[in-house]
Amino acid sequence: MVTRNRKIHGARYFGPYPKIWAVRETIDQMIRAFPIRTCSDSSYKRAMDSGRPCFPGQIGRCGGPCSQKVTIAQHRAIVDQFVAFMANPDPRMIAQLTRDMKQASADMDYERAAELRDRIGALENVLESSAVVLPETVEADVFGIEHDELAAAVQQFRVRGGRVRGVRSWVVDKELDVSLGELVDSVLQSAYDGTEPPPKEIIVPELPEDAEALEQLLSGLRERGAVHLRAAQRGEKAALLQTATNNAKQALNLYKTRRSADYVSRSRALTDLQEALELDEAPLRMECFDVSHLAGTNIVASMVVFEDGLPRKDQYRRFNVTDSTDDTESLYQVLSRRLGYLGEDDLRMGDPIRDEAENVDESIELGTRRKPGKFSYRPNLLIVDGGQPQVQAAARALRESGVDGINLCGIAKRLEEVWLPDNDYPVILPRNSDALFLLQRIRDEAHRFAITHQRTRRKKDITSVLTEIPGLGAARVRELLRHFGSVAKLKQATPEQIQEVKGIGPQIAATIHERLHA
């Protein structure tokens, strides 16, 4: 039977399986290989009384113990084979069935040989459905973990006989900002809560401080043998751990997206923000700003917009900062430019920051005035990525702009504190609150948008430098970047290594090396 109940007395469990279709597909193939009884007790009793096999027995999906086509002992042997293969899929069983098939064919028992042939094909399909990721002797659980300040996603791969036999995924809310090692300790204790014994080896991204004590605790859940925790750094196990971590990262992103898209959660988050920040009304339109740079160069800033708790990507903006001393000065410049576009009636004759912002909608001329673009919409709440210094810089820009009726706050990343301009102490929101979750999502989106823009600028900068070299056109520039994979590796390359690129001769290679290190 297929069930989610792990507490049926006397039952033998196999799994867990990632999807219900994976369970049914495995059962279908296994019944072809091992035709055991799957009918209900009432059908079995009726067949025993009548002496006629049930429908699965008539079509060959059951050995037929009810109609004495096979004896009870023979059927028990088939069940034992089923259990052994489900517990540890062993290719040697296929080899044994192949020998039996050849022997049956040699004995001219062709009907028996055909049955064994079908069983072999079914078992091969079962083995092919689970990829071989590690040596056949390996039995381990691999835990990939991706976390931020508020939540953690866990991806568990159950490897048995070198194959991934099950996948389990879940997301937990973090009550405290704990380290990865502490998170691993908590995850393992919750994963093995007594319903399923742990395997001999558990692969985790980082060992907790009390790894030895945790190993002893998990070893006590096994009938025999000890449990060993491993933090794989290289090889096949590390590659499998990276796959699990990537899956956990995608699961965390999906969790955030679903939670932010829930109407009830969004409404509750906006109401909680209004109360926590003491706003006159709910912040239906919020704009968040973040600054990104590389060692003080290529300074860029981003503005992301959330309306009714959802991102409005068509209204995102990017800014280039040509001259600045630090992040606070950059924030002051960007907010001054943004607020300078807001007037008393939110109308402007022109578009004074078109050169600085991207994706600004075209204005429509109406007499002597132009219809305001989306960039001129007045926000209810301005959010900056940072603590008290960044909030003070933003407050200075807000005061000097003369724009009233806009609230301001900042969210510091380390402790997830919310800072207000006139407060000496931060506002602490509950870690599992929808309001803090929404602020964090806005801040992370602004950070992502700024980083993406900065990387694009760096790529354009290096491309422009390369295209200025005589004899180096766009096609050769693309070939260089494709060959080395990144600008950093291209800068580290010697002239001889650069010369290995298709179309690059010794003279051009020497010029490229000289120009990049000028």
Protein backbone atom coordinates (compact mmCIF):
# COMPACT_ATOMS: atom_id res chain seq x y z
CA MET A 1 0.00 0.00 0.00
CA VAL A 2 1.02 3.61 -0.60
CA THR A 3 0.75 5.70 2.55
CA ARG A 4 2.03 8.76 4.35
CA ASN A 5 1.48 7.12 7.75
CA ARG A 6 4.79 5.93 9.22
CA LYS A 7 3.28 4.34 12.34
CA ILE A 8 1.47 1.24 11.04
CA HIS A 9 2.34 -1.59 13.43
CA GLY A 10 4.31 -4.42 11.86
CA ALA A 11 4.68 -2.75 8.44
CA ARG A 12 7.89 -2.71 6.39
CA TYR A 13 8.50 0.68 4.76
CA PHE A 14 10.32 1.66 1.56
CA GLY A 15 10.95 5.26 0.60
CA PRO A 16 10.30 8.08 0.99
CA TYR A 17 9.77 8.86 -2.67
CA PRO A 18 9.86 12.41 -4.03
CA LYS A 19 6.55 12.21 -5.93
CA ILE A 20 3.51 9.95 -5.91
CA TRP A 21 4.05 9.09 -9.58
CA ALA A 22 7.53 7.81 -8.69
CA VAL A 23 5.95 5.41 -6.16
CA ARG A 24 3.38 4.06 -8.60
CA GLU A 25 5.89 3.71 -11.42
CA THR A 26 8.28 1.76 -9.18
CA ILE A 27 5.50 -0.51 -7.92
CA ASP A 28 4.30 -1.16 -11.47
CA GLN A 29 7.75 -2.24 -12.61
CA MET A 30 8.43 -4.26 -9.45
CA ILE A 31 5.16 -6.21 -9.73
CA ARG A 32 6.19 -7.16 -13.25
CA ALA A 33 9.48 -8.46 -11.90
CA PHE A 34 8.10 -10.02 -8.71
CA PRO A 35 4.40 -10.97 -9.16
CA ILE A 36 3.30 -10.82 -5.51
CA ARG A 37 -0.26 -10.49 -4.24
CA THR A 38 -1.65 -6.94 -4.33
CA CYS A 39 -5.38 -7.70 -4.06
CA SER A 40 -7.54 -6.91 -1.03
CA ASP A 41 -8.21 -9.48 1.70
CA SER A 42 -11.83 -9.88 0.54
CA SER A 43 -10.75 -10.63 -3.05
CA TYR A 44 -8.16 -13.10 -1.76
CA LYS A 45 -10.74 -14.93 0.40
CA ARG A 46 -13.22 -15.06 -2.48
CA ALA A 47 -10.60 -16.57 -4.79
CA MET A 48 -9.59 -19.10 -2.13
CA ASP A 49 -13.22 -20.22 -1.72
CA SER A 50 -13.93 -20.45 -5.44
CA GLY A 51 -10.56 -21.81 -6.56
CA ARG A 52 -10.50 -19.25 -9.40
CA PRO A 53 -7.69 -16.71 -9.51
CA CYS A 54 -8.50 -13.03 -9.16
CA PHE A 55 -8.08 -10.66 -12.11
CA PRO A 56 -4.36 -9.83 -11.44
CA GLY A 57 -3.69 -13.58 -11.29
CA GLN A 58 -5.49 -14.11 -14.61
CA ILE A 59 -3.36 -11.50 -16.44
CA GLY A 60 -0.07 -12.62 -14.88
CA ARG A 61 0.35 -9.71 -12.44
CA CYS A 62 0.20 -12.10 -9.49
CA GLY A 63 1.72 -15.51 -8.92
CA GLY A 64 -1.67 -16.84 -7.86
CA PRO A 65 -1.29 -18.24 -4.30
CA CYS A 66 -5.08 -17.98 -3.89
CA SER A 67 -5.72 -20.49 -6.69
CA GLN A 68 -2.66 -22.62 -5.86
CA LYS A 69 -0.88 -21.70 -9.10
CA VAL A 70 2.10 -21.31 -6.80
CA THR A 71 2.47 -22.66 -3.29
CA ILE A 72 2.52 -20.42 -0.24
CA ALA A 73 6.25 -21.14 0.17
CA GLN A 74 6.97 -20.21 -3.45
CA HIS A 75 5.01 -16.99 -3.07
CA ARG A 76 6.90 -16.17 0.13
CA ALA A 77 10.18 -16.62 -1.75
CA ILE A 78 9.02 -14.10 -4.38
CA VAL A 79 8.01 -11.67 -1.60
CA ASP A 80 11.44 -12.02 0.01
CA GLN A 81 13.08 -11.22 -3.33
CA PHE A 82 10.82 -8.18 -3.68
CA VAL A 83 11.78 -6.94 -0.21
CA ALA A 84 15.50 -7.54 -0.77
CA PHE A 85 15.53 -5.65 -4.06
CA MET A 86 13.49 -2.73 -2.70
CA ALA A 87 15.78 -2.44 0.32
CA ASN A 88 18.96 -2.59 -1.76
CA PRO A 89 18.66 -2.75 -5.57
CA ASP A 90 21.41 -5.20 -6.46
CA PRO A 91 22.32 -5.71 -10.15
CA ARG A 92 23.58 -9.21 -9.22
CA MET A 93 19.95 -10.29 -8.96
CA ILE A 94 19.57 -9.55 -12.68
CA ALA A 95 22.62 -11.68 -13.38
CA GLN A 96 21.08 -14.59 -11.44
CA LEU A 97 17.76 -14.24 -13.30
CA THR A 98 19.65 -14.17 -16.58
CA ARG A 99 21.35 -17.46 -15.73
CA ASP A 100 17.97 -18.97 -14.76
CA MET A 101 16.46 -17.78 -18.05
CA LYS A 102 19.24 -19.39 -20.08
CA GLN A 103 18.87 -22.62 -18.12
CA ALA A 104 15.10 -22.64 -18.69
CA SER A 105 15.69 -22.08 -22.39
CA ALA A 106 18.22 -24.91 -22.49
CA ASP A 107 15.64 -27.14 -20.79
CA MET A 108 13.14 -26.05 -23.49
CA ASP A 109 10.90 -24.54 -20.79
CA TYR A 110 10.20 -21.56 -23.01
CA GLU A 111 7.22 -20.28 -21.03
CA ARG A 112 9.37 -20.04 -17.90
CA ALA A 113 12.18 -18.42 -19.91
CA ALA A 114 9.74 -15.79 -21.24
CA GLU A 115 8.57 -14.97 -17.71
CA LEU A 116 12.15 -14.54 -16.53
CA ARG A 117 12.91 -12.36 -19.57
CA ASP A 118 10.05 -10.02 -18.66
CA ARG A 119 11.19 -9.89 -15.05
CA ILE A 120 14.73 -8.98 -16.13
CA GLY A 121 13.40 -6.16 -18.32
CA ALA A 122 11.29 -4.79 -15.46
CA LEU A 123 14.23 -4.83 -13.03
CA GLU A 124 16.46 -3.07 -15.55
CA ASN A 125 13.84 -0.33 -15.87
CA VAL A 126 13.77 0.07 -12.08
CA LEU A 127 17.56 0.39 -11.93
CA GLU A 128 17.61 2.90 -14.78
CA SER A 129 15.02 5.09 -13.04
CA SER A 130 17.47 5.84 -10.20
CA ALA A 131 20.76 7.35 -11.25
CA VAL A 132 24.06 5.88 -10.06
CA VAL A 133 25.82 8.70 -8.23
CA LEU A 134 28.26 6.88 -5.93
CA PRO A 135 29.91 3.43 -5.71
CA GLU A 136 27.52 0.55 -5.10
CA THR A 137 28.80 -0.01 -1.57
CA VAL A 138 27.87 3.50 -0.41
CA GLU A 139 24.84 4.00 1.80
CA ALA A 140 24.54 7.61 2.88
CA ASP A 141 22.24 10.56 3.35
CA VAL A 142 23.27 13.85 1.76
CA PHE A 143 21.90 17.10 3.20
CA GLY A 144 22.01 20.30 1.17
CA ILE A 145 21.08 23.44 3.14
CA GLU A 146 20.43 26.98 1.92
CA HIS A 147 19.48 29.60 4.48
CA ASP A 148 19.15 33.30 5.14
CA GLU A 149 18.33 35.31 8.24
CA LEU A 150 14.71 34.12 8.47
CA ALA A 151 14.34 30.69 6.85
CA ALA A 152 16.27 27.59 5.80
CA ALA A 153 15.55 25.08 3.05
CA VAL A 154 16.80 21.50 3.41
CA GLN A 155 17.23 18.95 0.62
CA GLN A 156 17.92 15.33 1.64
CA PHE A 157 19.15 12.71 -0.84
CA ARG A 158 18.83 9.08 0.35
CA VAL A 159 21.61 7.13 -1.37
CA ARG A 160 21.34 3.35 -1.15
CA GLY A 161 23.58 1.05 -3.15
CA GLY A 162 25.12 4.09 -4.81
CA ARG A 163 21.73 5.25 -6.16
CA VAL A 164 19.47 8.09 -5.10
CA ARG A 165 16.50 6.14 -3.79
CA GLY A 166 14.56 9.01 -2.28
CA VAL A 167 14.45 12.78 -2.02
CA ARG A 168 12.99 14.80 0.83
CA SER A 169 12.67 18.58 0.97
CA TRP A 170 11.36 20.95 3.62
CA VAL A 171 11.63 24.56 4.76
CA VAL A 172 11.89 25.74 8.37
CA ASP A 173 11.57 29.22 9.87
CA LYS A 174 14.56 30.30 11.91
CA GLU A 175 13.73 31.70 15.33
CA LEU A 176 17.36 32.75 15.85
CA ASP A 177 20.14 33.79 13.51
CA VAL A 178 22.23 30.64 14.00
CA SER A 179 25.35 29.56 12.12
CA LEU A 180 25.38 26.85 9.46
CA GLY A 181 26.95 24.34 11.88
CA GLU A 182 24.21 24.90 14.46
CA LEU A 183 21.61 24.61 11.70
CA VAL A 184 23.08 21.24 10.62
CA ASP A 185 22.80 19.98 14.20
CA SER A 186 19.13 20.98 14.42
CA VAL A 187 18.27 19.56 10.97
CA LEU A 188 19.82 16.15 11.66
CA GLN A 189 18.07 15.78 15.01
CA SER A 190 14.71 16.56 13.41
CA ALA A 191 15.36 14.36 10.34
CA TYR A 192 16.00 11.26 12.47
CA ASP A 193 13.27 11.49 15.07
CA GLY A 194 13.08 7.75 15.68
CA THR A 195 10.84 6.75 12.78
CA GLU A 196 13.76 5.92 10.47
CA PRO A 197 17.30 4.88 11.46
CA PRO A 198 20.17 6.90 9.98
CA PRO A 199 22.64 5.32 7.54
CA LYS A 200 26.29 4.72 8.29
CA GLU A 201 27.41 7.95 6.62
CA ILE A 202 25.80 11.40 6.61
CA ILE A 203 27.22 14.09 4.34
CA VAL A 204 26.60 17.70 5.41
CA PRO A 205 27.87 21.10 4.20
CA GLU A 206 29.56 21.88 7.54
CA LEU A 207 30.27 19.90 10.69
CA PRO A 208 28.70 21.22 13.91
CA GLU A 209 30.89 21.99 16.89
CA ASP A 210 29.63 18.95 18.83
CA ALA A 211 29.94 16.56 15.88
CA GLU A 212 31.19 13.68 18.06
CA ALA A 213 28.26 13.94 20.47
CA LEU A 214 25.84 14.10 17.56
CA GLU A 215 27.43 10.98 16.01
CA GLN A 216 26.94 9.10 19.28
CA LEU A 217 23.31 10.22 19.45
CA LEU A 218 22.58 9.10 15.89
CA SER A 219 24.50 5.84 16.35
CA GLY A 220 22.14 4.98 19.20
CA LEU A 221 19.25 5.00 16.69
CA ARG A 222 20.84 2.17 14.68
CA GLU A 223 20.62 -1.49 15.57
CA ARG A 224 24.31 -1.94 14.87
CA GLY A 225 27.19 0.09 13.50
CA ALA A 226 28.20 3.68 14.07
CA VAL A 227 27.19 6.85 12.22
CA HIS A 228 29.88 9.10 10.76
CA LEU A 229 29.37 12.73 9.77
CA ARG A 230 31.34 13.98 6.77
CA ALA A 231 31.79 17.43 5.25
CA ALA A 232 32.67 16.56 1.66
CA GLN A 233 35.15 18.95 0.07
CA ARG A 234 35.96 17.27 -3.23
CA GLY A 235 35.07 14.29 -5.39
CA GLU A 236 31.77 12.61 -6.19
CA LYS A 237 30.27 13.17 -2.75
CA ALA A 238 31.04 16.88 -2.88
CA ALA A 239 29.43 17.09 -6.32
CA LEU A 240 26.29 15.37 -5.02
CA LEU A 241 26.26 17.70 -2.02
CA GLN A 242 26.45 20.68 -4.38
CA THR A 243 23.48 19.35 -6.32
CA ALA A 244 21.47 19.00 -3.12
CA THR A 245 22.46 22.54 -2.09
CA ASN A 246 21.37 23.94 -5.46
CA ASN A 247 18.02 22.19 -5.07
CA ALA A 248 17.67 23.67 -1.58
CA LYS A 249 18.43 27.13 -2.95
CA GLN A 250 15.69 26.80 -5.55
CA ALA A 251 13.29 25.50 -2.88
CA LEU A 252 14.01 28.51 -0.66
CA ASN A 253 13.41 30.92 -3.54
CA LEU A 254 10.15 29.16 -4.37
CA TYR A 255 9.10 29.30 -0.73
CA LYS A 256 9.72 33.04 -0.61
CA THR A 257 7.86 33.61 -3.85
CA ARG A 258 4.82 31.63 -2.73
CA ARG A 259 4.74 33.28 0.67
CA SER A 260 5.00 36.79 -0.77
CA ALA A 261 2.31 36.00 -3.36
CA ASP A 262 -0.21 34.95 -0.70
CA TYR A 263 -2.81 37.71 -0.38
CA VAL A 264 -3.51 37.15 3.32
CA SER A 265 0.21 37.20 4.18
CA ARG A 266 0.77 40.37 2.16
CA SER A 267 -2.16 42.14 3.81
CA ARG A 268 -0.96 41.11 7.25
CA ALA A 269 2.60 42.23 6.44
CA LEU A 270 1.49 45.69 5.30
CA THR A 271 -0.71 46.13 8.38
CA ASP A 272 2.09 45.01 10.71
CA LEU A 273 4.52 47.42 9.03
CA GLN A 274 2.10 50.27 9.47
CA GLU A 275 1.80 49.53 13.19
CA ALA A 276 5.50 48.84 13.83
CA LEU A 277 6.71 51.99 12.03
CA GLU A 278 3.76 54.08 13.30
CA LEU A 279 2.67 55.11 9.81
CA ASP A 280 -0.55 56.97 9.08
CA GLU A 281 -1.51 54.44 6.43
CA ALA A 282 -0.32 51.11 5.09
CA PRO A 283 2.73 51.40 2.78
CA LEU A 284 1.02 50.32 -0.43
CA ARG A 285 3.96 51.57 -2.55
CA MET A 286 7.49 50.98 -1.27
CA GLU A 287 10.78 51.81 -2.95
CA CYS A 288 14.05 50.25 -1.77
CA PHE A 289 17.55 51.52 -2.64
CA ASP A 290 20.86 49.68 -2.53
CA VAL A 291 24.39 50.68 -3.52
CA SER A 292 26.93 48.29 -5.01
CA HIS A 293 30.59 48.82 -5.94
CA LEU A 294 33.83 46.95 -6.46
CA ALA A 295 36.59 48.32 -4.22
CA GLY A 296 35.17 51.82 -4.63
CA THR A 297 34.90 51.60 -8.43
CA ASN A 298 31.94 51.06 -10.75
CA ILE A 299 29.55 52.49 -8.16
CA VAL A 300 25.94 51.75 -9.06
CA ALA A 301 22.63 51.88 -7.21
CA SER A 302 19.28 50.21 -7.68
CA MET A 303 15.70 51.14 -6.95
CA VAL A 304 13.09 48.39 -6.75
CA VAL A 305 9.37 49.03 -6.37
CA PHE A 306 6.81 46.92 -4.49
CA GLU A 307 3.12 47.73 -4.72
CA ASP A 308 0.61 45.90 -2.51
CA GLY A 309 3.48 43.67 -1.38
CA LEU A 310 4.36 42.51 -4.91
CA PRO A 311 7.31 43.56 -7.12
CA ARG A 312 6.66 45.95 -10.00
CA LYS A 313 9.65 45.11 -12.18
CA ASP A 314 8.54 47.47 -14.96
CA GLN A 315 9.24 50.33 -12.54
CA TYR A 316 12.70 49.24 -11.35
CA ARG A 317 15.48 51.79 -11.94
CA ARG A 318 19.27 51.72 -12.00
CA PHE A 319 21.64 54.59 -11.29
CA ASN A 320 25.30 55.22 -12.05
CA VAL A 321 27.30 57.17 -9.46
CA THR A 322 30.35 58.82 -11.01
CA ASP A 323 31.97 60.32 -7.90
CA SER A 324 31.43 59.30 -4.29
CA THR A 325 33.40 58.77 -1.10
CA ASP A 326 31.36 55.98 0.52
CA ASP A 327 27.98 54.23 0.54
CA THR A 328 26.25 56.95 2.56
CA GLU A 329 27.31 59.65 0.09
CA SER A 330 26.19 57.45 -2.81
CA LEU A 331 22.78 56.92 -1.19
CA TYR A 332 22.44 60.66 -0.62
CA GLN A 333 23.17 61.39 -4.28
CA VAL A 334 20.81 58.74 -5.62
CA LEU A 335 17.91 59.71 -3.35
CA SER A 336 18.43 63.39 -4.13
CA ARG A 337 18.12 62.63 -7.82
CA ARG A 338 15.09 60.43 -7.30
CA LEU A 339 13.28 62.87 -4.97
CA GLY A 340 14.15 65.78 -7.23
CA TYR A 341 11.72 64.35 -9.73
CA LEU A 342 8.79 64.65 -7.34
CA GLY A 343 6.97 67.99 -7.34
CA GLU A 344 3.92 69.31 -5.62
CA ASP A 345 1.63 67.93 -8.33
CA ASP A 346 4.02 65.17 -9.48
CA LEU A 347 4.24 66.76 -12.96
CA ARG A 348 7.41 67.81 -14.70
CA MET A 349 8.15 69.57 -17.94
CA GLY A 350 10.92 67.17 -18.86
CA ASP A 351 12.80 64.16 -17.64
CA PRO A 352 15.92 65.44 -15.81
CA ILE A 353 17.34 62.04 -14.86
CA ARG A 354 16.75 60.12 -18.07
CA ASP A 355 20.53 59.82 -18.49
CA GLU A 356 20.91 58.23 -15.07
CA ALA A 357 17.94 55.85 -14.90
CA GLU A 358 17.14 52.99 -17.22
CA ASN A 359 13.80 51.90 -18.65
CA VAL A 360 12.10 55.28 -18.07
CA ASP A 361 8.76 55.35 -19.88
CA GLU A 362 8.37 57.80 -22.71
CA SER A 363 6.35 60.89 -21.75
CA ILE A 364 3.28 61.95 -23.73
CA GLU A 365 3.12 65.63 -24.57
CA LEU A 366 -0.12 67.36 -23.54
CA GLY A 367 -0.04 71.02 -24.53
CA THR A 368 2.82 72.59 -22.62
CA ARG A 369 2.98 69.78 -20.08
CA ARG A 370 3.83 66.11 -20.25
CA LYS A 371 1.94 63.31 -18.65
CA PRO A 372 3.98 62.00 -15.69
CA GLY A 373 5.75 58.69 -16.16
CA LYS A 374 5.67 55.90 -13.61
CA PHE A 375 8.93 57.16 -12.16
CA SER A 376 7.11 60.20 -10.74
CA TYR A 377 4.67 58.16 -8.61
CA ARG A 378 4.98 59.13 -4.97
CA PRO A 379 6.00 56.25 -2.65
CA ASN A 380 4.53 55.75 0.82
CA LEU A 381 7.76 54.33 2.23
CA LEU A 382 11.42 54.62 1.24
CA ILE A 383 13.66 51.75 2.35
CA VAL A 384 17.47 51.78 2.30
CA ASP A 385 19.75 48.79 2.70
CA GLY A 386 21.76 49.60 5.79
CA GLY A 387 21.69 50.80 9.37
CA GLN A 388 21.64 54.15 11.09
CA PRO A 389 24.34 55.91 8.93
CA GLN A 390 22.56 55.04 5.69
CA VAL A 391 19.18 56.12 7.12
CA GLN A 392 20.64 59.46 8.22
CA ALA A 393 22.04 60.07 4.72
CA ALA A 394 18.67 59.28 3.19
CA ALA A 395 16.91 61.54 5.70
CA ARG A 396 19.22 64.42 4.73
CA ALA A 397 18.31 63.95 1.07
CA LEU A 398 14.62 63.84 1.99
CA ARG A 399 14.84 67.08 3.99
CA GLU A 400 16.76 68.96 1.32
CA SER A 401 14.35 67.87 -1.43
CA GLY A 402 11.43 69.58 0.28
CA VAL A 403 9.16 66.61 -0.40
CA ASP A 404 6.73 65.86 2.42
CA GLY A 405 4.53 62.89 3.26
CA ILE A 406 7.08 60.15 2.57
CA ASN A 407 8.24 57.83 5.34
CA LEU A 408 11.73 56.39 5.60
CA CYS A 409 13.37 53.36 7.21
CA GLY A 410 16.43 51.17 6.82
CA ILE A 411 16.99 47.46 7.37
CA ALA A 412 20.39 46.31 8.63
CA LYS A 413 21.39 42.89 7.30
CA ARG A 414 23.29 41.36 10.22
CA LEU A 415 20.56 41.43 12.88
CA GLU A 416 17.62 42.38 10.63
CA GLU A 417 17.04 45.58 12.61
CA VAL A 418 14.74 48.28 11.26
CA TRP A 419 16.04 51.82 11.76
CA LEU A 420 14.00 55.03 11.68
CA PRO A 421 15.51 58.51 11.09
CA ASP A 422 14.73 60.03 14.51
CA ASN A 423 15.24 56.98 16.73
CA ASP A 424 18.40 56.08 18.61
CA TYR A 425 17.30 52.46 18.91
CA PRO A 426 16.10 50.12 16.15
CA VAL A 427 12.65 48.60 15.77
CA ILE A 428 12.82 44.84 16.34
CA LEU A 429 10.23 42.87 14.38
CA PRO A 430 9.46 39.23 15.29
CA ARG A 431 11.69 36.95 13.24
CA ASN A 432 8.78 34.91 11.92
CA SER A 433 6.58 37.91 11.14
CA ASP A 434 5.27 38.57 7.64
CA ALA A 435 6.35 42.20 7.95
CA LEU A 436 10.03 41.34 8.43
CA PHE A 437 9.78 38.73 5.67
CA LEU A 438 8.46 41.38 3.25
CA LEU A 439 11.17 43.89 4.18
CA GLN A 440 13.85 41.25 3.72
CA ARG A 441 12.48 40.25 0.32
CA ILE A 442 12.47 43.89 -0.85
CA ARG A 443 16.02 44.42 0.43
CA ASP A 444 17.30 41.22 -1.22
CA GLU A 445 15.64 42.16 -4.50
CA ALA A 446 17.31 45.58 -4.46
CA HIS A 447 20.68 43.96 -3.73
CA ARG A 448 20.24 41.46 -6.57
CA PHE A 449 19.25 44.20 -9.00
CA ALA A 450 22.26 46.36 -8.07
CA ILE A 451 24.73 43.46 -8.34
CA THR A 452 23.37 42.50 -11.77
CA HIS A 453 23.83 46.06 -13.04
CA GLN A 454 27.36 46.31 -11.66
CA ARG A 455 28.41 43.06 -13.36
CA THR A 456 26.97 44.29 -16.64
CA ARG A 457 28.94 47.52 -16.34
CA ARG A 458 32.17 45.68 -15.57
CA LYS A 459 31.65 43.48 -18.61
CA LYS A 460 31.01 46.53 -20.79
CA ASP A 461 34.11 48.24 -19.40
CA ILE A 462 36.44 45.36 -20.21
CA THR A 463 34.81 44.91 -23.61
CA SER A 464 35.33 48.55 -24.45
CA VAL A 465 39.00 48.31 -23.41
CA LEU A 466 39.56 45.27 -25.60
CA THR A 467 37.79 46.72 -28.64
CA GLU A 468 40.15 49.72 -28.54
CA ILE A 469 43.08 47.41 -29.30
CA PRO A 470 43.94 47.57 -33.03
CA GLY A 471 43.04 44.36 -34.84
CA LEU A 472 40.71 43.13 -32.10
CA GLY A 473 37.10 43.23 -33.22
CA ALA A 474 33.85 42.18 -31.53
CA ALA A 475 34.14 38.56 -32.73
CA ARG A 476 37.63 38.11 -31.26
CA VAL A 477 36.56 39.78 -28.01
CA ARG A 478 33.72 37.28 -27.67
CA GLU A 479 36.11 34.43 -28.43
CA LEU A 480 38.51 35.65 -25.72
CA LEU A 481 35.82 35.88 -23.08
CA ARG A 482 34.36 32.52 -24.12
CA HIS A 483 37.79 30.84 -23.95
CA PHE A 484 38.81 32.15 -20.52
CA GLY A 485 35.32 32.27 -19.01
CA SER A 486 35.87 35.47 -17.02
CA VAL A 487 37.77 38.74 -17.12
CA ALA A 488 39.77 37.76 -14.02
CA LYS A 489 41.18 34.66 -15.73
CA LEU A 490 41.95 36.68 -18.86
CA LYS A 491 43.98 39.17 -16.79
CA GLN A 492 45.91 36.31 -15.16
CA ALA A 493 46.78 34.74 -18.51
CA THR A 494 50.24 35.05 -20.03
CA PRO A 495 50.75 36.20 -23.64
CA GLU A 496 51.43 32.58 -24.60
CA GLN A 497 48.11 31.46 -23.10
CA ILE A 498 46.25 34.30 -24.81
CA GLN A 499 47.83 33.26 -28.10
CA GLU A 500 46.10 29.87 -27.81
CA VAL A 501 42.74 31.52 -28.56
CA LYS A 502 41.56 31.08 -32.11
CA GLY A 503 42.43 34.10 -34.26
CA ILE A 504 44.89 35.65 -31.77
CA GLY A 505 48.46 36.01 -32.98
CA PRO A 506 51.63 36.69 -30.96
CA GLN A 507 51.59 40.45 -31.53
CA ILE A 508 47.93 40.91 -30.59
CA ALA A 509 48.38 38.63 -27.56
CA ALA A 510 51.27 40.75 -26.30
CA THR A 511 49.24 43.93 -26.84
CA ILE A 512 46.25 42.52 -24.95
CA HIS A 513 48.45 41.51 -22.03
CA GLU A 514 50.13 44.90 -21.94
CA ARG A 515 46.85 46.84 -22.14
CA LEU A 516 45.15 44.82 -19.38
CA HIS A 517 48.10 45.37 -17.03
CA ALA A 518 48.66 49.02 -17.85
